[in-house]
């Protein structure tokens, strides 16, 4: 079974975001233990500044604009929800 381009892009995006969490937000977890369904705040420990940095990173890296209305816990609950938001913005 071959992966669709979107599924491949999602996997690449999730991997890149895990790397961002560890390298830029100094998440103290081994990369391979971070699951994309883990709570960014509750399980991974991202704080409010970290969420702001993550939003800026998404806007820079993927060329999307995230409004204040979209910068809500529902969209930033986990890497899965973050990736879904970015993909919806990319259309």
C-alpha atoms as a PDB file:
ATOM      1  CA  UNK A   1       0.000   0.000   0.000  1.00  0.00           C
ATOM      2  CA  UNK A   2       1.541   3.297  -1.019  1.00  0.00           C
ATOM      3  CA  UNK A   3       1.218   6.415   1.056  1.00  0.00           C
ATOM      4  CA  UNK A   4      -0.612   9.343  -0.419  1.00  0.00           C
ATOM      5  CA  UNK A   5       1.337  12.551  -0.788  1.00  0.00           C
ATOM      6  CA  UNK A   6      -0.762  14.100   1.987  1.00  0.00           C
ATOM      7  CA  UNK A   7      -0.097  11.213   4.380  1.00  0.00           C
ATOM      8  CA  UNK A   8       3.599  11.449   3.597  1.00  0.00           C
ATOM      9  CA  UNK A   9       3.517  15.215   4.115  1.00  0.00           C
ATOM     10  CA  UNK A  10       1.726  14.716   7.444  1.00  0.00           C
ATOM     11  CA  UNK A  11       4.385  12.264   8.613  1.00  0.00           C
ATOM     12  CA  UNK A  12       7.185  14.600   7.532  1.00  0.00           C
ATOM     13  CA  UNK A  13       5.444  17.536   9.217  1.00  0.00           C
ATOM     14  CA  UNK A  14       4.897  15.604  12.465  1.00  0.00           C
ATOM     15  CA  UNK A  15       8.541  14.510  12.528  1.00  0.00           C
ATOM     16  CA  UNK A  16       9.729  18.066  11.891  1.00  0.00           C
ATOM     17  CA  UNK A  17       7.478  19.407  14.659  1.00  0.00           C
ATOM     18  CA  UNK A  18       8.753  16.801  17.133  1.00  0.00           C
ATOM     19  CA  UNK A  19      12.288  17.954  16.294  1.00  0.00           C
ATOM     20  CA  UNK A  20      11.199  21.574  16.821  1.00  0.00           C
ATOM     21  CA  UNK A  21       9.789  20.709  20.278  1.00  0.00           C
ATOM     22  CA  UNK A  22      13.086  19.150  21.350  1.00  0.00           C
ATOM     23  CA  UNK A  23      15.507  21.606  19.682  1.00  0.00           C
ATOM     24  CA  UNK A  24      13.708  24.937  20.063  1.00  0.00           C
ATOM     25  CA  UNK A  25      11.318  24.478  22.986  1.00  0.00           C
ATOM     26  CA  UNK A  26      13.763  22.316  24.943  1.00  0.00           C
ATOM     27  CA  UNK A  27      11.239  19.554  25.593  1.00  0.00           C
ATOM     28  CA  UNK A  28      13.100  17.087  27.782  1.00  0.00           C
ATOM     29  CA  UNK A  29      11.926  13.875  26.122  1.00  0.00           C
ATOM     30  CA  UNK A  30      13.591  11.523  23.668  1.00  0.00           C
ATOM     31  CA  UNK A  31      12.286  12.193  20.160  1.00  0.00           C
ATOM     32  CA  UNK A  32      11.036   8.619  19.704  1.00  0.00           C
ATOM     33  CA  UNK A  33       8.904   8.787  22.875  1.00  0.00           C
ATOM     34  CA  UNK A  34       6.907  11.819  21.707  1.00  0.00           C
ATOM     35  CA  UNK A  35       3.579  10.644  20.282  1.00  0.00           C
ATOM     36  CA  UNK A  36       1.573  12.948  18.051  1.00  0.00           C
ATOM     37  CA  UNK A  37      -1.561  12.413  20.171  1.00  0.00           C
ATOM     38  CA  UNK A  38       0.116  13.510  23.427  1.00  0.00           C
ATOM     39  CA  UNK A  39      -1.143  16.698  25.039  1.00  0.00           C
ATOM     40  CA  UNK A  40       1.339  19.448  24.205  1.00  0.00           C
ATOM     41  CA  UNK A  41       0.729  21.232  27.524  1.00  0.00           C
ATOM     42  CA  UNK A  42      -0.425  18.379  29.767  1.00  0.00           C
ATOM     43  CA  UNK A  43       1.973  15.597  28.732  1.00  0.00           C
ATOM     44  CA  UNK A  44       4.844  17.283  26.886  1.00  0.00           C
ATOM     45  CA  UNK A  45       5.036  20.406  29.020  1.00  0.00           C
ATOM     46  CA  UNK A  46       4.815  23.196  26.435  1.00  0.00           C
ATOM     47  CA  UNK A  47       4.124  26.520  28.188  1.00  0.00           C
ATOM     48  CA  UNK A  48       2.379  29.660  26.931  1.00  0.00           C
ATOM     49  CA  UNK A  49       5.590  31.117  25.497  1.00  0.00           C
ATOM     50  CA  UNK A  50       6.259  27.786  23.807  1.00  0.00           C
ATOM     51  CA  UNK A  51       2.852  27.875  22.139  1.00  0.00           C
ATOM     52  CA  UNK A  52       3.570  31.383  20.848  1.00  0.00           C
ATOM     53  CA  UNK A  53       6.919  30.206  19.474  1.00  0.00           C
ATOM     54  CA  UNK A  54       5.255  27.162  17.907  1.00  0.00           C
ATOM     55  CA  UNK A  55       2.670  29.372  16.210  1.00  0.00           C
ATOM     56  CA  UNK A  56       5.404  31.666  14.845  1.00  0.00           C
ATOM     57  CA  UNK A  57       7.323  28.616  13.616  1.00  0.00           C
ATOM     58  CA  UNK A  58       4.260  27.250  11.809  1.00  0.00           C
ATOM     59  CA  UNK A  59       3.645  30.615  10.141  1.00  0.00           C
ATOM     60  CA  UNK A  60       7.283  30.921   9.027  1.00  0.00           C
ATOM     61  CA  UNK A  61       7.872  27.328   7.972  1.00  0.00           C
ATOM     62  CA  UNK A  62       4.560  26.608   6.242  1.00  0.00           C
ATOM     63  CA  UNK A  63       3.611  30.114   5.098  1.00  0.00           C
ATOM     64  CA  UNK A  64       0.264  30.087   6.883  1.00  0.00           C
ATOM     65  CA  UNK A  65      -1.336  32.816   8.958  1.00  0.00           C
ATOM     66  CA  UNK A  66      -2.925  31.747  12.228  1.00  0.00           C
ATOM     67  CA  UNK A  67      -5.472  34.207  13.595  1.00  0.00           C
ATOM     68  CA  UNK A  68      -6.157  34.843  17.276  1.00  0.00           C
ATOM     69  CA  UNK A  69      -9.465  32.980  16.805  1.00  0.00           C
ATOM     70  CA  UNK A  70      -7.512  29.919  15.631  1.00  0.00           C
ATOM     71  CA  UNK A  71      -4.852  30.206  18.342  1.00  0.00           C
ATOM     72  CA  UNK A  72      -6.985  28.236  20.795  1.00  0.00           C
ATOM     73  CA  UNK A  73      -6.379  25.105  22.895  1.00  0.00           C
ATOM     74  CA  UNK A  74      -8.512  22.932  20.580  1.00  0.00           C
ATOM     75  CA  UNK A  75      -6.107  23.593  17.676  1.00  0.00           C
ATOM     76  CA  UNK A  76      -2.956  23.270  19.794  1.00  0.00           C
ATOM     77  CA  UNK A  77      -3.922  20.304  21.977  1.00  0.00           C
ATOM     78  CA  UNK A  78      -1.510  17.850  20.301  1.00  0.00           C
ATOM     79  CA  UNK A  79       0.751  17.610  17.271  1.00  0.00           C
ATOM     80  CA  UNK A  80      -2.143  15.868  15.503  1.00  0.00           C
ATOM     81  CA  UNK A  81      -4.415  18.897  15.977  1.00  0.00           C
ATOM     82  CA  UNK A  82      -1.610  21.319  15.025  1.00  0.00           C
ATOM     83  CA  UNK A  83      -0.924  19.405  11.794  1.00  0.00           C
ATOM     84  CA  UNK A  84      -4.662  19.279  11.009  1.00  0.00           C
ATOM     85  CA  UNK A  85      -4.847  23.070  11.440  1.00  0.00           C
ATOM     86  CA  UNK A  86      -1.854  23.690   9.164  1.00  0.00           C
ATOM     87  CA  UNK A  87      -3.168  21.297   6.512  1.00  0.00           C
ATOM     88  CA  UNK A  88      -6.573  22.998   6.600  1.00  0.00           C
ATOM     89  CA  UNK A  89      -4.823  26.359   6.102  1.00  0.00           C
ATOM     90  CA  UNK A  90      -2.799  24.977   3.187  1.00  0.00           C
ATOM     91  CA  UNK A  91      -6.057  23.820   1.616  1.00  0.00           C
END
